[in-house]
C-alpha cells in the first residue's frame, strides 16, 4: 500500500495567528464549520452525527482535536506498504492515489481511506 497525494495549495490552521486569539467556543464553532461537513460524508459519521445517540458527538471530536488538517505536496507518501496506517484520512481537495498490490485507485474529493486504523 502506498498513498500519495496530488493537491492544491491551501492555508493551514496553524499558519493563521489570529485563530489563537479566538475564545475557545468560537474556535470550536469555526472548526465545526470546516470539519463536520467533511466528516458526515462518511456513512458511519454521517449516521452517528444525526442519530441523536450523542447530540454533541461531532463537536466532541473537534474539541478534543481528534480531527486535524494535513496539507500534503504532490507525490507525498502518507504511508507505505507493510506500514501500519495510524489515522483515517479524508480527501478535501485534489486527489489521492492509493496503491495496493500493484493496482492504483484514485480517490477524489469527499472520499476517505485508511478507516481500518480507527
C-alpha atoms as a PDB file:
ATOM      1  CA  UNK A   1       0.000   0.000   0.000  1.00  0.00           C
ATOM      2  CA  UNK A   2       1.402   3.344  -0.996  1.00  0.00           C
ATOM      3  CA  UNK A   3      -0.592   6.512  -0.653  1.00  0.00           C
ATOM      4  CA  UNK A   4       0.495   9.630  -2.457  1.00  0.00           C
ATOM      5  CA  UNK A   5      -1.265  12.938  -2.797  1.00  0.00           C
ATOM      6  CA  UNK A   6      -1.891  15.361  -5.597  1.00  0.00           C
ATOM      7  CA  UNK A   7      -3.258  18.528  -4.043  1.00  0.00           C
ATOM      8  CA  UNK A   8      -3.739  22.219  -4.474  1.00  0.00           C
ATOM      9  CA  UNK A   9      -2.141  24.737  -2.109  1.00  0.00           C
ATOM     10  CA  UNK A  10      -4.230  25.567   0.960  1.00  0.00           C
ATOM     11  CA  UNK A  11      -3.693  27.556   4.125  1.00  0.00           C
ATOM     12  CA  UNK A  12      -3.169  25.551   7.322  1.00  0.00           C
ATOM     13  CA  UNK A  13      -4.940  26.379  10.553  1.00  0.00           C
ATOM     14  CA  UNK A  14      -1.660  26.798  12.425  1.00  0.00           C
ATOM     15  CA  UNK A  15      -0.456  29.456   9.999  1.00  0.00           C
ATOM     16  CA  UNK A  16      -3.308  31.843  10.887  1.00  0.00           C
ATOM     17  CA  UNK A  17      -2.164  33.586  14.069  1.00  0.00           C
ATOM     18  CA  UNK A  18      -5.489  35.337  14.581  1.00  0.00           C
ATOM     19  CA  UNK A  19      -7.133  31.977  15.336  1.00  0.00           C
ATOM     20  CA  UNK A  20      -5.105  31.697  18.545  1.00  0.00           C
ATOM     21  CA  UNK A  21      -6.820  34.833  19.856  1.00  0.00           C
ATOM     22  CA  UNK A  22     -10.367  33.496  19.477  1.00  0.00           C
ATOM     23  CA  UNK A  23     -12.381  32.393  22.512  1.00  0.00           C
ATOM     24  CA  UNK A  24     -12.432  28.584  22.690  1.00  0.00           C
ATOM     25  CA  UNK A  25     -16.179  28.363  21.994  1.00  0.00           C
ATOM     26  CA  UNK A  26     -15.799  30.399  18.821  1.00  0.00           C
ATOM     27  CA  UNK A  27     -12.775  28.355  17.782  1.00  0.00           C
ATOM     28  CA  UNK A  28     -14.776  25.120  18.170  1.00  0.00           C
ATOM     29  CA  UNK A  29     -17.684  26.569  16.178  1.00  0.00           C
ATOM     30  CA  UNK A  30     -15.326  27.642  13.401  1.00  0.00           C
ATOM     31  CA  UNK A  31     -13.612  24.221  13.321  1.00  0.00           C
ATOM     32  CA  UNK A  32     -17.044  22.558  13.263  1.00  0.00           C
ATOM     33  CA  UNK A  33     -17.993  24.591  10.188  1.00  0.00           C
ATOM     34  CA  UNK A  34     -14.884  23.242   8.480  1.00  0.00           C
ATOM     35  CA  UNK A  35     -14.807  19.622   9.653  1.00  0.00           C
ATOM     36  CA  UNK A  36     -18.412  18.461  10.221  1.00  0.00           C
ATOM     37  CA  UNK A  37     -19.467  18.627   6.544  1.00  0.00           C
ATOM     38  CA  UNK A  38     -16.405  16.568   5.619  1.00  0.00           C
ATOM     39  CA  UNK A  39     -16.853  14.000   8.409  1.00  0.00           C
ATOM     40  CA  UNK A  40     -20.521  13.438   7.692  1.00  0.00           C
ATOM     41  CA  UNK A  41     -19.709  12.310   4.132  1.00  0.00           C
ATOM     42  CA  UNK A  42     -18.597   9.036   5.708  1.00  0.00           C
ATOM     43  CA  UNK A  43     -21.564   6.677   6.332  1.00  0.00           C
ATOM     44  CA  UNK A  44     -20.675   5.979   9.968  1.00  0.00           C
ATOM     45  CA  UNK A  45     -20.026   9.574  10.987  1.00  0.00           C
ATOM     46  CA  UNK A  46     -23.000  10.799   8.972  1.00  0.00           C
ATOM     47  CA  UNK A  47     -25.370   8.326  10.623  1.00  0.00           C
ATOM     48  CA  UNK A  48     -23.906   8.750  14.091  1.00  0.00           C
ATOM     49  CA  UNK A  49     -23.918  12.517  13.825  1.00  0.00           C
ATOM     50  CA  UNK A  50     -27.663  12.678  13.129  1.00  0.00           C
ATOM     51  CA  UNK A  51     -28.713   9.650  15.213  1.00  0.00           C
ATOM     52  CA  UNK A  52     -29.238  11.575  18.416  1.00  0.00           C
ATOM     53  CA  UNK A  53     -27.201   8.957  20.308  1.00  0.00           C
ATOM     54  CA  UNK A  54     -24.833  11.749  21.263  1.00  0.00           C
ATOM     55  CA  UNK A  55     -26.001  15.171  20.097  1.00  0.00           C
ATOM     56  CA  UNK A  56     -22.514  16.565  20.697  1.00  0.00           C
ATOM     57  CA  UNK A  57     -20.558  13.740  19.042  1.00  0.00           C
ATOM     58  CA  UNK A  58     -19.050  15.781  16.216  1.00  0.00           C
ATOM     59  CA  UNK A  59     -18.247  18.723  18.477  1.00  0.00           C
ATOM     60  CA  UNK A  60     -16.509  16.388  20.936  1.00  0.00           C
ATOM     61  CA  UNK A  61     -14.276  15.050  18.152  1.00  0.00           C
ATOM     62  CA  UNK A  62     -13.417  18.593  17.155  1.00  0.00           C
ATOM     63  CA  UNK A  63     -12.966  19.939  20.686  1.00  0.00           C
ATOM     64  CA  UNK A  64     -10.598  17.093  21.592  1.00  0.00           C
ATOM     65  CA  UNK A  65      -8.608  17.778  18.447  1.00  0.00           C
ATOM     66  CA  UNK A  66      -9.270  14.264  17.143  1.00  0.00           C
ATOM     67  CA  UNK A  67      -9.706  15.914  13.747  1.00  0.00           C
ATOM     68  CA  UNK A  68      -6.941  17.933  12.179  1.00  0.00           C
ATOM     69  CA  UNK A  69      -5.770  19.139   8.795  1.00  0.00           C
ATOM     70  CA  UNK A  70      -2.850  17.597   6.962  1.00  0.00           C
ATOM     71  CA  UNK A  71      -1.647  19.521   3.926  1.00  0.00           C
ATOM     72  CA  UNK A  72       0.457  17.479   1.541  1.00  0.00           C
ATOM     73  CA  UNK A  73       2.527  18.246  -1.507  1.00  0.00           C
ATOM     74  CA  UNK A  74       2.075  16.278  -4.708  1.00  0.00           C
ATOM     75  CA  UNK A  75       3.676  12.807  -4.628  1.00  0.00           C
ATOM     76  CA  UNK A  76       3.973  12.839  -0.821  1.00  0.00           C
ATOM     77  CA  UNK A  77       3.665   9.348   0.679  1.00  0.00           C
ATOM     78  CA  UNK A  78       1.305   9.188   3.641  1.00  0.00           C
ATOM     79  CA  UNK A  79       2.144   5.572   4.438  1.00  0.00           C
ATOM     80  CA  UNK A  80       3.724   2.714   2.521  1.00  0.00           C
ATOM     81  CA  UNK A  81       3.219  -1.000   2.067  1.00  0.00           C
ATOM     82  CA  UNK A  82       3.752  -3.027   5.270  1.00  0.00           C
ATOM     83  CA  UNK A  83       3.498   0.132   7.358  1.00  0.00           C
ATOM     84  CA  UNK A  84       0.537   0.399   9.699  1.00  0.00           C
ATOM     85  CA  UNK A  85      -1.594   3.451   8.974  1.00  0.00           C
ATOM     86  CA  UNK A  86      -2.225   5.362  12.186  1.00  0.00           C
ATOM     87  CA  UNK A  87      -5.063   7.618  11.051  1.00  0.00           C
ATOM     88  CA  UNK A  88      -8.104   7.777   8.864  1.00  0.00           C
ATOM     89  CA  UNK A  89      -7.836  10.357   6.079  1.00  0.00           C
ATOM     90  CA  UNK A  90     -10.432  12.426   4.231  1.00  0.00           C
ATOM     91  CA  UNK A  91      -9.649  13.965   0.856  1.00  0.00           C
ATOM     92  CA  UNK A  92     -10.863  17.568   0.930  1.00  0.00           C
ATOM     93  CA  UNK A  93      -9.323  18.894  -2.279  1.00  0.00           C
ATOM     94  CA  UNK A  94      -7.305  17.278  -5.006  1.00  0.00           C
ATOM     95  CA  UNK A  95      -6.977  13.521  -5.208  1.00  0.00           C
ATOM     96  CA  UNK A  96      -5.024  10.703  -3.639  1.00  0.00           C
ATOM     97  CA  UNK A  97      -3.562   7.652  -5.328  1.00  0.00           C
ATOM     98  CA  UNK A  98      -3.935   4.528  -3.206  1.00  0.00           C
ATOM     99  CA  UNK A  99      -1.798   1.650  -4.460  1.00  0.00           C
ATOM    100  CA  UNK A 100      -2.350  -1.898  -3.247  1.00  0.00           C
ATOM    101  CA  UNK A 101      -0.777  -4.946  -4.868  1.00  0.00           C
ATOM    102  CA  UNK A 102       0.294  -3.053  -7.997  1.00  0.00           C
ATOM    103  CA  UNK A 103      -3.150  -1.545  -8.572  1.00  0.00           C
ATOM    104  CA  UNK A 104      -3.666   2.186  -8.022  1.00  0.00           C
ATOM    105  CA  UNK A 105      -7.047   3.646  -7.196  1.00  0.00           C
ATOM    106  CA  UNK A 106      -7.569   7.398  -7.370  1.00  0.00           C
ATOM    107  CA  UNK A 107      -9.693   8.865  -4.610  1.00  0.00           C
ATOM    108  CA  UNK A 108     -11.098  12.320  -5.214  1.00  0.00           C
ATOM    109  CA  UNK A 109     -12.694  14.959  -3.052  1.00  0.00           C
ATOM    110  CA  UNK A 110     -15.160  13.867  -0.365  1.00  0.00           C
ATOM    111  CA  UNK A 111     -13.626  10.361  -0.217  1.00  0.00           C
ATOM    112  CA  UNK A 112     -11.796   8.701   2.654  1.00  0.00           C
ATOM    113  CA  UNK A 113      -9.264   5.936   3.214  1.00  0.00           C
ATOM    114  CA  UNK A 114      -7.482   4.025   5.959  1.00  0.00           C
ATOM    115  CA  UNK A 115     -10.583   3.802   8.142  1.00  0.00           C
ATOM    116  CA  UNK A 116      -9.369   0.439   9.481  1.00  0.00           C
ATOM    117  CA  UNK A 117      -6.867   2.406  11.585  1.00  0.00           C
ATOM    118  CA  UNK A 118      -9.722   3.566  13.810  1.00  0.00           C
END
